Amino acid sequence: MWAMKTDGRIRSNVAKGAEVLIVQKRDQRTGRLTRGIVKDILTRSEEHPRGIKVRLEGGKIGRVREIVAREDRSSRDGPD
């Protein structure tokens, strides 16, 4: 099963330790995305139209465009 909560505009979808794609302020015009792990969630409201603002483990700050979907291994069926 693949994670369905990939919308970075909703705070409850974003968690510390999650792998995300963010757009930094300097990259807004180009749309260049930066991948990283969430260290801190900076947006206080539940939703934000341009994405929840986070700080990554490396210190970069930006708005979440997408939460990287990972396979949930605990619910995957094994071979029959």
PDB file of N, CA and C in Angstrom:
ATOM      1  N   MET A   1       0.847  -1.175   0.000  1.00  0.00           N
ATOM      2  CA  MET A   1       0.000   0.000   0.000  1.00  0.00           C
ATOM      3  C   MET A   1       0.891   1.237   0.000  1.00  0.00           C
ATOM      4  N   TRP A   2       0.548   2.222  -0.810  1.00  0.00           N
ATOM      5  CA  TRP A   2       1.310   3.462  -0.898  1.00  0.00           C
ATOM      6  C   TRP A   2       0.630   4.521  -0.056  1.00  0.00           C
ATOM      7  N   ALA A   3       1.426   5.360   0.570  1.00  0.00           N
ATOM      8  CA  ALA A   3       0.884   6.438   1.396  1.00  0.00           C
ATOM      9  C   ALA A   3       0.038   7.365   0.529  1.00  0.00           C
ATOM     10  N   MET A   4      -1.112   7.765   1.032  1.00  0.00           N
ATOM     11  CA  MET A   4      -2.007   8.629   0.275  1.00  0.00           C
ATOM     12  C   MET A   4      -1.889  10.083   0.722  1.00  0.00           C
ATOM     13  N   LYS A   5      -1.307  10.354   1.864  1.00  0.00           N
ATOM     14  CA  LYS A   5      -1.223  11.706   2.389  1.00  0.00           C
ATOM     15  C   LYS A   5      -0.007  12.424   1.818  1.00  0.00           C
ATOM     16  N   THR A   6      -0.073  12.832   0.559  1.00  0.00           N
ATOM     17  CA  THR A   6       1.059  13.482  -0.081  1.00  0.00           C
ATOM     18  C   THR A   6       0.846  14.976  -0.266  1.00  0.00           C
ATOM     19  N   ASP A   7      -0.298  15.519   0.153  1.00  0.00           N
ATOM     20  CA  ASP A   7      -0.606  16.929  -0.035  1.00  0.00           C
ATOM     21  C   ASP A   7       0.117  17.761   1.029  1.00  0.00           C
ATOM     22  N   GLY A   8       1.090  18.552   0.598  1.00  0.00           N
ATOM     23  CA  GLY A   8       1.887  19.358   1.502  1.00  0.00           C
ATOM     24  C   GLY A   8       1.224  20.630   1.967  1.00  0.00           C
ATOM     25  N   ARG A   9      -0.032  20.861   1.570  1.00  0.00           N
ATOM     26  CA  ARG A   9      -0.751  22.067   1.996  1.00  0.00           C
ATOM     27  C   ARG A   9      -1.520  21.843   3.290  1.00  0.00           C
ATOM     28  N   ILE A  10      -1.549  20.604   3.779  1.00  0.00           N
ATOM     29  CA  ILE A  10      -2.304  20.263   4.977  1.00  0.00           C
ATOM     30  C   ILE A  10      -1.325  19.839   6.069  1.00  0.00           C
ATOM     31  N   ARG A  11      -1.345  20.559   7.197  1.00  0.00           N
ATOM     32  CA  ARG A  11      -0.367  20.359   8.262  1.00  0.00           C
ATOM     33  C   ARG A  11      -0.391  18.937   8.836  1.00  0.00           C
ATOM     34  N   SER A  12      -1.560  18.355   8.981  1.00  0.00           N
ATOM     35  CA  SER A  12      -1.645  17.018   9.582  1.00  0.00           C
ATOM     36  C   SER A  12      -1.003  15.948   8.704  1.00  0.00           C
ATOM     37  N   ASN A  13      -0.751  16.258   7.436  1.00  0.00           N
ATOM     38  CA  ASN A  13      -0.064  15.319   6.544  1.00  0.00           C
ATOM     39  C   ASN A  13       1.451  15.374   6.717  1.00  0.00           C
ATOM     40  N   VAL A  14       1.950  16.448   7.312  1.00  0.00           N
ATOM     41  CA  VAL A  14       3.387  16.666   7.447  1.00  0.00           C
ATOM     42  C   VAL A  14       3.810  16.292   8.869  1.00  0.00           C
ATOM     43  N   ALA A  15       4.843  15.465   8.994  1.00  0.00           N
ATOM     44  CA  ALA A  15       5.303  15.034  10.312  1.00  0.00           C
ATOM     45  C   ALA A  15       6.815  15.174  10.402  1.00  0.00           C
ATOM     46  N   LYS A  16       7.302  15.413  11.611  1.00  0.00           N
ATOM     47  CA  LYS A  16       8.747  15.429  11.824  1.00  0.00           C
ATOM     48  C   LYS A  16       9.296  14.073  11.421  1.00  0.00           C
ATOM     49  N   GLY A  17      10.414  14.078  10.722  1.00  0.00           N
ATOM     50  CA  GLY A  17      11.023  12.841  10.271  1.00  0.00           C
ATOM     51  C   GLY A  17      10.554  12.380   8.903  1.00  0.00           C
ATOM     52  N   ALA A  18       9.545  13.048   8.352  1.00  0.00           N
ATOM     53  CA  ALA A  18       9.026  12.674   7.031  1.00  0.00           C
ATOM     54  C   ALA A  18       9.965  13.173   5.936  1.00  0.00           C
ATOM     55  N   GLU A  19      10.052  12.417   4.860  1.00  0.00           N
ATOM     56  CA  GLU A  19      10.821  12.847   3.698  1.00  0.00           C
ATOM     57  C   GLU A  19       9.903  13.652   2.795  1.00  0.00           C
ATOM     58  N   VAL A  20      10.343  14.859   2.433  1.00  0.00           N
ATOM     59  CA  VAL A  20       9.496  15.771   1.679  1.00  0.00           C
ATOM     60  C   VAL A  20      10.274  16.442   0.553  1.00  0.00           C
ATOM     61  N   LEU A  21       9.519  17.044  -0.355  1.00  0.00           N
ATOM     62  CA  LEU A  21      10.073  17.916  -1.381  1.00  0.00           C
ATOM     63  C   LEU A  21       9.578  19.317  -1.060  1.00  0.00           C
ATOM     64  N   ILE A  22      10.517  20.264  -0.912  1.00  0.00           N
ATOM     65  CA  ILE A  22      10.141  21.641  -0.605  1.00  0.00           C
ATOM     66  C   ILE A  22      10.611  22.567  -1.713  1.00  0.00           C
ATOM     67  N   VAL A  23       9.986  23.738  -1.762  1.00  0.00           N
ATOM     68  CA  VAL A  23      10.487  24.811  -2.623  1.00  0.00           C
ATOM     69  C   VAL A  23      10.955  25.913  -1.682  1.00  0.00           C
ATOM     70  N   GLN A  24      12.224  26.277  -1.804  1.00  0.00           N
ATOM     71  CA  GLN A  24      12.774  27.359  -1.007  1.00  0.00           C
ATOM     72  C   GLN A  24      12.344  28.692  -1.625  1.00  0.00           C
ATOM     73  N   LYS A  25      12.331  29.746  -0.829  1.00  0.00           N
ATOM     74  CA  LYS A  25      11.882  31.055  -1.306  1.00  0.00           C
ATOM     75  C   LYS A  25      12.666  31.483  -2.551  1.00  0.00           C
ATOM     76  N   ARG A  26      13.966  31.266  -2.548  1.00  0.00           N
ATOM     77  CA  ARG A  26      14.795  31.684  -3.687  1.00  0.00           C
ATOM     78  C   ARG A  26      14.480  30.900  -4.959  1.00  0.00           C
ATOM     79  N   ASP A  27      13.835  29.737  -4.821  1.00  0.00           N
ATOM     80  CA  ASP A  27      13.524  28.876  -5.963  1.00  0.00           C
ATOM     81  C   ASP A  27      12.061  28.954  -6.401  1.00  0.00           C
ATOM     82  N   GLN A  28      11.286  29.888  -5.841  1.00  0.00           N
ATOM     83  CA  GLN A  28       9.861  29.948  -6.161  1.00  0.00           C
ATOM     84  C   GLN A  28       9.609  30.214  -7.641  1.00  0.00           C
ATOM     85  N   ARG A  29      10.399  31.060  -8.258  1.00  0.00           N
ATOM     86  CA  ARG A  29      10.187  31.369  -9.680  1.00  0.00           C
ATOM     87  C   ARG A  29      10.483  30.181 -10.581  1.00  0.00           C
ATOM     88  N   THR A  30      11.526  29.432 -10.241  1.00  0.00           N
ATOM     89  CA  THR A  30      11.907  28.294 -11.085  1.00  0.00           C
ATOM     90  C   THR A  30      11.150  27.026 -10.719  1.00  0.00           C
ATOM     91  N   GLY A  31      10.653  26.951  -9.474  1.00  0.00           N
ATOM     92  CA  GLY A  31       9.958  25.749  -9.026  1.00  0.00           C
ATOM     93  C   GLY A  31      10.901  24.616  -8.646  1.00  0.00           C
ATOM     94  N   ARG A  32      12.209  24.924  -8.534  1.00  0.00           N
ATOM     95  CA  ARG A  32      13.204  23.900  -8.180  1.00  0.00           C
ATOM     96  C   ARG A  32      12.879  23.340  -6.801  1.00  0.00           C
ATOM     97  N   LEU A  33      12.853  22.012  -6.697  1.00  0.00           N
ATOM     98  CA  LEU A  33      12.512  21.348  -5.447  1.00  0.00           C
ATOM     99  C   LEU A  33      13.756  20.825  -4.747  1.00  0.00           C
ATOM    100  N   THR A  34      13.711  20.841  -3.422  1.00  0.00           N
ATOM    101  CA  THR A  34      14.780  20.328  -2.587  1.00  0.00           C
ATOM    102  C   THR A  34      14.207  19.200  -1.742  1.00  0.00           C
ATOM    103  N   ARG A  35      14.908  18.072  -1.714  1.00  0.00           N
ATOM    104  CA  ARG A  35      14.450  16.906  -0.961  1.00  0.00           C
ATOM    105  C   ARG A  35      15.142  16.875   0.395  1.00  0.00           C
ATOM    106  N   GLY A  36      14.403  16.498   1.432  1.00  0.00           N
ATOM    107  CA  GLY A  36      15.011  16.407   2.751  1.00  0.00           C
ATOM    108  C   GLY A  36      14.063  15.826   3.780  1.00  0.00           C
ATOM    109  N   ILE A  37      14.563  15.756   5.010  1.00  0.00           N
ATOM    110  CA  ILE A  37      13.806  15.216   6.143  1.00  0.00           C
ATOM    111  C   ILE A  37      13.369  16.378   7.033  1.00  0.00           C
ATOM    112  N   VAL A  38      12.089  16.378   7.421  1.00  0.00           N
ATOM    113  CA  VAL A  38      11.526  17.454   8.237  1.00  0.00           C
ATOM    114  C   VAL A  38      12.114  17.408   9.651  1.00  0.00           C
ATOM    115  N   LYS A  39      12.696  18.539  10.068  1.00  0.00           N
ATOM    116  CA  LYS A  39      13.183  18.688  11.437  1.00  0.00           C
ATOM    117  C   LYS A  39      12.142  19.418  12.282  1.00  0.00           C
ATOM    118  N   ASP A  40      11.596  20.521  11.734  1.00  0.00           N
ATOM    119  CA  ASP A  40      10.606  21.337  12.444  1.00  0.00           C
ATOM    120  C   ASP A  40       9.507  21.770  11.496  1.00  0.00           C
ATOM    121  N   ILE A  41       8.276  21.843  12.016  1.00  0.00           N
ATOM    122  CA  ILE A  41       7.143  22.370  11.261  1.00  0.00           C
ATOM    123  C   ILE A  41       6.938  23.796  11.729  1.00  0.00           C
ATOM    124  N   LEU A  42       7.022  24.749  10.802  1.00  0.00           N
ATOM    125  CA  LEU A  42       6.988  26.165  11.159  1.00  0.00           C
ATOM    126  C   LEU A  42       5.616  26.803  11.010  1.00  0.00           C
ATOM    127  N   THR A  43       4.770  26.291  10.135  1.00  0.00           N
ATOM    128  CA  THR A  43       3.422  26.833   9.942  1.00  0.00           C
ATOM    129  C   THR A  43       2.526  26.362  11.086  1.00  0.00           C
ATOM    130  N   ARG A  44       1.792  27.295  11.678  1.00  0.00           N
ATOM    131  CA  ARG A  44       0.907  26.939  12.794  1.00  0.00           C
ATOM    132  C   ARG A  44      -0.510  26.564  12.337  1.00  0.00           C
ATOM    133  N   SER A  45      -0.965  27.135  11.226  1.00  0.00           N
ATOM    134  CA  SER A  45      -2.334  26.856  10.775  1.00  0.00           C
ATOM    135  C   SER A  45      -2.422  25.454  10.163  1.00  0.00           C
ATOM    136  N   GLU A  46      -3.630  24.909  10.116  1.00  0.00           N
ATOM    137  CA  GLU A  46      -3.842  23.543   9.608  1.00  0.00           C
ATOM    138  C   GLU A  46      -3.643  23.457   8.100  1.00  0.00           C
ATOM    139  N   GLU A  47      -3.904  24.539   7.385  1.00  0.00           N
ATOM    140  CA  GLU A  47      -3.743  24.531   5.927  1.00  0.00           C
ATOM    141  C   GLU A  47      -3.039  25.804   5.475  1.00  0.00           C
ATOM    142  N   HIS A  48      -2.325  25.698   4.364  1.00  0.00           N
ATOM    143  CA  HIS A  48      -1.723  26.874   3.744  1.00  0.00           C
ATOM    144  C   HIS A  48      -1.731  26.647   2.237  1.00  0.00           C
ATOM    145  N   PRO A  49      -2.237  27.602   1.448  1.00  0.00           N
ATOM    146  CA  PRO A  49      -2.401  27.389   0.003  1.00  0.00           C
ATOM    147  C   PRO A  49      -1.090  27.146  -0.760  1.00  0.00           C
ATOM    148  N   ARG A  50       0.032  27.652  -0.244  1.00  0.00           N
ATOM    149  CA  ARG A  50       1.313  27.450  -0.933  1.00  0.00           C
ATOM    150  C   ARG A  50       2.150  26.347  -0.305  1.00  0.00           C
ATOM    151  N   GLY A  51       1.651  25.700   0.739  1.00  0.00           N
ATOM    152  CA  GLY A  51       2.361  24.605   1.381  1.00  0.00           C
ATOM    153  C   GLY A  51       2.771  24.942   2.803  1.00  0.00           C
ATOM    154  N   ILE A  52       2.863  23.923   3.626  1.00  0.00           N
ATOM    155  CA  ILE A  52       3.268  24.072   5.016  1.00  0.00           C
ATOM    156  C   ILE A  52       4.761  24.380   5.056  1.00  0.00           C
ATOM    157  N   LYS A  53       5.147  25.395   5.816  1.00  0.00           N
ATOM    158  CA  LYS A  53       6.559  25.784   5.902  1.00  0.00           C
ATOM    159  C   LYS A  53       7.263  24.894   6.921  1.00  0.00           C
ATOM    160  N   VAL A  54       8.419  24.353   6.520  1.00  0.00           N
ATOM    161  CA  VAL A  54       9.191  23.457   7.384  1.00  0.00           C
ATOM    162  C   VAL A  54      10.673  23.820   7.342  1.00  0.00           C
ATOM    163  N   ARG A  55      11.391  23.336   8.350  1.00  0.00           N
ATOM    164  CA  ARG A  55      12.850  23.396   8.365  1.00  0.00           C
ATOM    165  C   ARG A  55      13.339  21.966   8.215  1.00  0.00           C
ATOM    166  N   LEU A  56      14.237  21.746   7.267  1.00  0.00           N
ATOM    167  CA  LEU A  56      14.791  20.416   7.052  1.00  0.00           C
ATOM    168  C   LEU A  56      15.967  20.175   7.996  1.00  0.00           C
ATOM    169  N   GLU A  57      16.392  18.926   8.116  1.00  0.00           N
ATOM    170  CA  GLU A  57      17.502  18.574   8.997  1.00  0.00           C
ATOM    171  C   GLU A  57      18.771  19.339   8.658  1.00  0.00           C
ATOM    172  N   GLY A  58      18.995  19.680   7.410  1.00  0.00           N
ATOM    173  CA  GLY A  58      20.178  20.438   7.015  1.00  0.00           C
ATOM    174  C   GLY A  58      20.053  21.933   7.249  1.00  0.00           C
ATOM    175  N   GLY A  59      18.886  22.399   7.743  1.00  0.00           N
ATOM    176  CA  GLY A  59      18.686  23.807   8.041  1.00  0.00           C
ATOM    177  C   GLY A  59      17.944  24.584   6.973  1.00  0.00           C
ATOM    178  N   LYS A  60      17.716  23.977   5.815  1.00  0.00           N
ATOM    179  CA  LYS A  60      16.996  24.674   4.746  1.00  0.00           C
ATOM    180  C   LYS A  60      15.528  24.825   5.122  1.00  0.00           C
ATOM    181  N   ILE A  61      14.947  25.968   4.729  1.00  0.00           N
ATOM    182  CA  ILE A  61      13.547  26.261   5.030  1.00  0.00           C
ATOM    183  C   ILE A  61      12.794  26.447   3.727  1.00  0.00           C
ATOM    184  N   GLY A  62      11.598  25.884   3.669  1.00  0.00           N
ATOM    185  CA  GLY A  62      10.773  26.037   2.488  1.00  0.00           C
ATOM    186  C   GLY A  62       9.380  25.496   2.727  1.00  0.00           C
ATOM    187  N   ARG A  63       8.568  25.578   1.690  1.00  0.00           N
ATOM    188  CA  ARG A  63       7.182  25.093   1.773  1.00  0.00           C
ATOM    189  C   ARG A  63       7.068  23.726   1.110  1.00  0.00           C
ATOM    190  N   VAL A  64       6.351  22.837   1.779  1.00  0.00           N
ATOM    191  CA  VAL A  64       6.221  21.463   1.303  1.00  0.00           C
ATOM    192  C   VAL A  64       5.364  21.441   0.054  1.00  0.00           C
ATOM    193  N   ARG A  65       5.921  20.906  -1.019  1.00  0.00           N
ATOM    194  CA  ARG A  65       5.167  20.704  -2.250  1.00  0.00           C
ATOM    195  C   ARG A  65       4.626  19.293  -2.289  1.00  0.00           C
ATOM    196  N   GLU A  66       5.397  18.358  -1.738  1.00  0.00           N
ATOM    197  CA  GLU A  66       4.961  16.959  -1.769  1.00  0.00           C
ATOM    198  C   GLU A  66       5.635  16.185  -0.654  1.00  0.00           C
ATOM    199  N   ILE A  67       4.884  15.269  -0.088  1.00  0.00           N
ATOM    200  CA  ILE A  67       5.435  14.335   0.881  1.00  0.00           C
ATOM    201  C   ILE A  67       5.787  13.085   0.098  1.00  0.00           C
ATOM    202  N   VAL A  68       7.014  12.635   0.229  1.00  0.00           N
ATOM    203  CA  VAL A  68       7.484  11.500  -0.562  1.00  0.00           C
ATOM    204  C   VAL A  68       6.768  10.243  -0.075  1.00  0.00           C
ATOM    205  N   ALA A  69       6.033   9.616  -0.986  1.00  0.00           N
ATOM    206  CA  ALA A  69       5.286   8.402  -0.650  1.00  0.00           C
ATOM    207  C   ALA A  69       6.245   7.232  -0.541  1.00  0.00           C
ATOM    208  N   ARG A  70       6.075   6.467   0.506  1.00  0.00           N
ATOM    209  CA  ARG A  70       6.896   5.273   0.699  1.00  0.00           C
ATOM    210  C   ARG A  70       5.978   4.091   0.892  1.00  0.00           C
ATOM    211  N   GLU A  71       6.459   2.959   0.507  1.00  0.00           N
ATOM    212  CA  GLU A  71       5.676   1.743   0.655  1.00  0.00           C
ATOM    213  C   GLU A  71       5.587   1.390   2.123  1.00  0.00           C
ATOM    214  N   ASP A  72       4.389   1.098   2.585  1.00  0.00           N
ATOM    215  CA  ASP A  72       4.174   0.686   3.972  1.00  0.00           C
ATOM    216  C   ASP A  72       4.415  -0.813   4.060  1.00  0.00           C
ATOM    217  N   ARG A  73       5.588  -1.191   4.485  1.00  0.00           N
ATOM    218  CA  ARG A  73       5.985  -2.598   4.496  1.00  0.00           C
ATOM    219  C   ARG A  73       5.205  -3.424   5.520  1.00  0.00           C
ATOM    220  N   SER A  74       4.706  -2.796   6.573  1.00  0.00           N
ATOM    221  CA  SER A  74       3.994  -3.558   7.600  1.00  0.00           C
ATOM    222  C   SER A  74       2.658  -4.088   7.099  1.00  0.00           C
ATOM    223  N   SER A  75       2.064  -3.446   6.101  1.00  0.00           N
ATOM    224  CA  SER A  75       0.752  -3.893   5.616  1.00  0.00           C
ATOM    225  C   SER A  75       0.845  -4.610   4.267  1.00  0.00           C
ATOM    226  N   ARG A  76       2.063  -4.800   3.752  1.00  0.00           N
ATOM    227  CA  ARG A  76       2.225  -5.456   2.467  1.00  0.00           C
ATOM    228  C   ARG A  76       2.072  -6.949   2.629  1.00  0.00           C
ATOM    229  N   ASP A  77       1.351  -7.548   1.699  1.00  0.00           N
ATOM    230  CA  ASP A  77       1.189  -8.996   1.723  1.00  0.00           C
ATOM    231  C   ASP A  77       2.444  -9.659   1.196  1.00  0.00           C
ATOM    232  N   GLY A  78       2.806 -10.750   1.801  1.00  0.00           N
ATOM    233  CA  GLY A  78       3.964 -11.517   1.335  1.00  0.00           C
ATOM    234  C   GLY A  78       3.592 -12.388   0.151  1.00  0.00           C
ATOM    235  N   PRO A  79       4.550 -13.050  -0.477  1.00  0.00           N
ATOM    236  CA  PRO A  79       4.254 -13.923  -1.609  1.00  0.00           C
ATOM    237  C   PRO A  79       3.427 -15.122  -1.175  1.00  0.00           C
ATOM    238  N   ASP A  80       2.524 -15.536  -2.047  1.00  0.00           N
ATOM    239  CA  ASP A  80       1.658 -16.695  -1.749  1.00  0.00           C
ATOM    240  C   ASP A  80       2.310 -17.988  -2.160  1.00  0.00           C
TER     241      ASP A  80
END
